[in-house]
Amino acid sequence: MFQTLNYFQMITLMFIFIMNFYSLYLFFIDKKRSQKKAYRISEKQLLLSAFLFGGIGAWIGMTNFRHKTKKPLFKICIPLAAIWTLISMLVAVFYTYLF
């Protein structure tokens, strides 16, 4: 059933992995900056990184660091971004079967 992944699939999955790590890192840095009352990362950038295939990392960062969990925008958008990321990963893996 499964065959090896082609280059397009591998590059797409690596990009998604990197974006998830980047989103997780952004949530970590923003949490640390909020504790120090330092210059913060904008909510726009946090949400953008989540919707650019970093939703799973953003969700993990939001829950593990307990950051932005009380904001309604983040309560709704981050799970949606995680679902979007998961669907994108599935499409990348099963690309040859879908098209």
C-alpha atoms as a PDB file:
ATOM      1  CA  MET A   1       0.000   0.000   0.000  1.00  0.00           C
ATOM      2  CA  PHE A   2       2.662   2.521   0.998  1.00  0.00           C
ATOM      3  CA  GLN A   3       5.468   3.364  -1.324  1.00  0.00           C
ATOM      4  CA  THR A   4       8.424   5.616  -0.766  1.00  0.00           C
ATOM      5  CA  LEU A   5       7.774   9.330  -0.744  1.00  0.00           C
ATOM      6  CA  ASN A   6       8.833  11.383  -3.739  1.00  0.00           C
ATOM      7  CA  TYR A   7      10.868  14.593  -3.471  1.00  0.00           C
ATOM      8  CA  PHE A   8       7.824  16.850  -3.507  1.00  0.00           C
ATOM      9  CA  GLN A   9       6.299  14.970  -0.586  1.00  0.00           C
ATOM     10  CA  MET A  10       9.539  14.941   1.404  1.00  0.00           C
ATOM     11  CA  ILE A  11      10.155  18.655   0.873  1.00  0.00           C
ATOM     12  CA  THR A  12       6.567  19.495   1.794  1.00  0.00           C
ATOM     13  CA  LEU A  13       6.700  17.428   4.980  1.00  0.00           C
ATOM     14  CA  MET A  14      10.069  18.931   5.959  1.00  0.00           C
ATOM     15  CA  PHE A  15       8.653  22.436   5.422  1.00  0.00           C
ATOM     16  CA  ILE A  16       5.654  21.600   7.615  1.00  0.00           C
ATOM     17  CA  PHE A  17       7.955  20.178  10.296  1.00  0.00           C
ATOM     18  CA  ILE A  18      10.142  23.307  10.251  1.00  0.00           C
ATOM     19  CA  MET A  19       7.118  25.609  10.425  1.00  0.00           C
ATOM     20  CA  ASN A  20       5.726  23.694  13.408  1.00  0.00           C
ATOM     21  CA  PHE A  21       9.048  23.966  15.211  1.00  0.00           C
ATOM     22  CA  TYR A  22       9.210  27.681  14.365  1.00  0.00           C
ATOM     23  CA  SER A  23       5.688  28.274  15.725  1.00  0.00           C
ATOM     24  CA  LEU A  24       6.521  26.409  18.911  1.00  0.00           C
ATOM     25  CA  TYR A  25       9.663  28.509  19.255  1.00  0.00           C
ATOM     26  CA  LEU A  26       7.718  31.752  18.734  1.00  0.00           C
ATOM     27  CA  PHE A  27       5.260  30.853  21.489  1.00  0.00           C
ATOM     28  CA  PHE A  28       8.148  29.976  23.816  1.00  0.00           C
ATOM     29  CA  ILE A  29      10.000  33.239  23.127  1.00  0.00           C
ATOM     30  CA  ASP A  30       6.841  35.328  23.484  1.00  0.00           C
ATOM     31  CA  LYS A  31       6.034  33.683  26.817  1.00  0.00           C
ATOM     32  CA  LYS A  32       9.524  34.393  28.130  1.00  0.00           C
ATOM     33  CA  ARG A  33       9.325  37.993  26.921  1.00  0.00           C
ATOM     34  CA  SER A  34       5.943  38.453  28.578  1.00  0.00           C
ATOM     35  CA  GLN A  35       7.377  37.267  31.892  1.00  0.00           C
ATOM     36  CA  LYS A  36      10.250  39.752  31.587  1.00  0.00           C
ATOM     37  CA  LYS A  37       7.951  42.557  30.384  1.00  0.00           C
ATOM     38  CA  ALA A  38      10.116  42.895  27.278  1.00  0.00           C
ATOM     39  CA  TYR A  39       9.284  43.620  23.641  1.00  0.00           C
ATOM     40  CA  ARG A  40       6.698  41.064  22.494  1.00  0.00           C
ATOM     41  CA  ILE A  41       6.009  39.142  19.307  1.00  0.00           C
ATOM     42  CA  SER A  42       2.804  40.379  17.702  1.00  0.00           C
ATOM     43  CA  GLU A  43      -0.339  38.288  17.781  1.00  0.00           C
ATOM     44  CA  LYS A  44      -0.513  38.693  14.022  1.00  0.00           C
ATOM     45  CA  GLN A  45       2.868  36.977  13.617  1.00  0.00           C
ATOM     46  CA  LEU A  46       1.904  34.174  16.008  1.00  0.00           C
ATOM     47  CA  LEU A  47      -1.311  33.488  14.106  1.00  0.00           C
ATOM     48  CA  LEU A  48       0.370  33.801  10.714  1.00  0.00           C
ATOM     49  CA  SER A  49       3.012  31.236  11.631  1.00  0.00           C
ATOM     50  CA  ALA A  50       0.252  28.928  12.854  1.00  0.00           C
ATOM     51  CA  PHE A  51      -1.723  29.175   9.611  1.00  0.00           C
ATOM     52  CA  LEU A  52       1.380  28.783   7.445  1.00  0.00           C
ATOM     53  CA  PHE A  53       1.446  25.078   8.342  1.00  0.00           C
ATOM     54  CA  GLY A  54       2.656  25.554  11.926  1.00  0.00           C
ATOM     55  CA  GLY A  55      -0.638  24.912  13.671  1.00  0.00           C
ATOM     56  CA  ILE A  56       0.376  21.806  15.570  1.00  0.00           C
ATOM     57  CA  GLY A  57       3.485  23.465  16.978  1.00  0.00           C
ATOM     58  CA  ALA A  58       1.467  26.552  17.890  1.00  0.00           C
ATOM     59  CA  TRP A  59      -1.129  24.436  19.670  1.00  0.00           C
ATOM     60  CA  ILE A  60       1.542  22.542  21.581  1.00  0.00           C
ATOM     61  CA  GLY A  61       3.220  25.830  22.495  1.00  0.00           C
ATOM     62  CA  MET A  62      -0.038  27.416  23.544  1.00  0.00           C
ATOM     63  CA  THR A  63      -0.999  24.539  25.841  1.00  0.00           C
ATOM     64  CA  ASN A  64       2.437  23.623  27.233  1.00  0.00           C
ATOM     65  CA  PHE A  65       3.542  27.177  27.973  1.00  0.00           C
ATOM     66  CA  ARG A  66       0.006  28.281  28.921  1.00  0.00           C
ATOM     67  CA  HIS A  67       0.371  31.261  26.658  1.00  0.00           C
ATOM     68  CA  LYS A  68      -2.537  33.099  24.999  1.00  0.00           C
ATOM     69  CA  THR A  69      -4.976  30.500  26.349  1.00  0.00           C
ATOM     70  CA  LYS A  70      -7.479  33.072  27.617  1.00  0.00           C
ATOM     71  CA  LYS A  71      -7.780  34.975  24.348  1.00  0.00           C
ATOM     72  CA  PRO A  72     -10.873  33.899  22.371  1.00  0.00           C
ATOM     73  CA  LEU A  73      -9.154  34.529  19.040  1.00  0.00           C
ATOM     74  CA  PHE A  74      -6.410  32.066  19.905  1.00  0.00           C
ATOM     75  CA  LYS A  75      -8.836  29.535  21.415  1.00  0.00           C
ATOM     76  CA  ILE A  76     -10.585  29.335  18.039  1.00  0.00           C
ATOM     77  CA  CYS A  77      -7.860  29.972  15.486  1.00  0.00           C
ATOM     78  CA  ILE A  78      -5.038  27.797  16.803  1.00  0.00           C
ATOM     79  CA  PRO A  79      -7.058  24.539  16.767  1.00  0.00           C
ATOM     80  CA  LEU A  80      -8.277  25.439  13.265  1.00  0.00           C
ATOM     81  CA  ALA A  81      -4.679  26.012  12.193  1.00  0.00           C
ATOM     82  CA  ALA A  82      -3.708  22.639  13.690  1.00  0.00           C
ATOM     83  CA  ILE A  83      -6.473  20.925  11.727  1.00  0.00           C
ATOM     84  CA  TRP A  84      -5.336  22.755   8.583  1.00  0.00           C
ATOM     85  CA  THR A  85      -1.765  21.576   9.194  1.00  0.00           C
ATOM     86  CA  LEU A  86      -2.860  17.985   9.786  1.00  0.00           C
ATOM     87  CA  ILE A  87      -4.943  17.946   6.607  1.00  0.00           C
ATOM     88  CA  SER A  88      -1.995  19.386   4.676  1.00  0.00           C
ATOM     89  CA  MET A  89       0.285  16.664   6.016  1.00  0.00           C
ATOM     90  CA  LEU A  90      -2.187  13.965   5.019  1.00  0.00           C
ATOM     91  CA  VAL A  91      -2.546  15.424   1.536  1.00  0.00           C
ATOM     92  CA  ALA A  92       1.248  15.531   1.184  1.00  0.00           C
ATOM     93  CA  VAL A  93       1.617  11.887   2.247  1.00  0.00           C
ATOM     94  CA  PHE A  94      -1.272  10.534   0.201  1.00  0.00           C
ATOM     95  CA  TYR A  95      -0.691  12.858  -2.769  1.00  0.00           C
ATOM     96  CA  THR A  96      -0.154  10.017  -5.254  1.00  0.00           C
ATOM     97  CA  TYR A  97      -3.419   8.360  -4.254  1.00  0.00           C
ATOM     98  CA  LEU A  98      -5.458  11.566  -4.402  1.00  0.00           C
ATOM     99  CA  PHE A  99      -4.326  12.887  -7.788  1.00  0.00           C
END
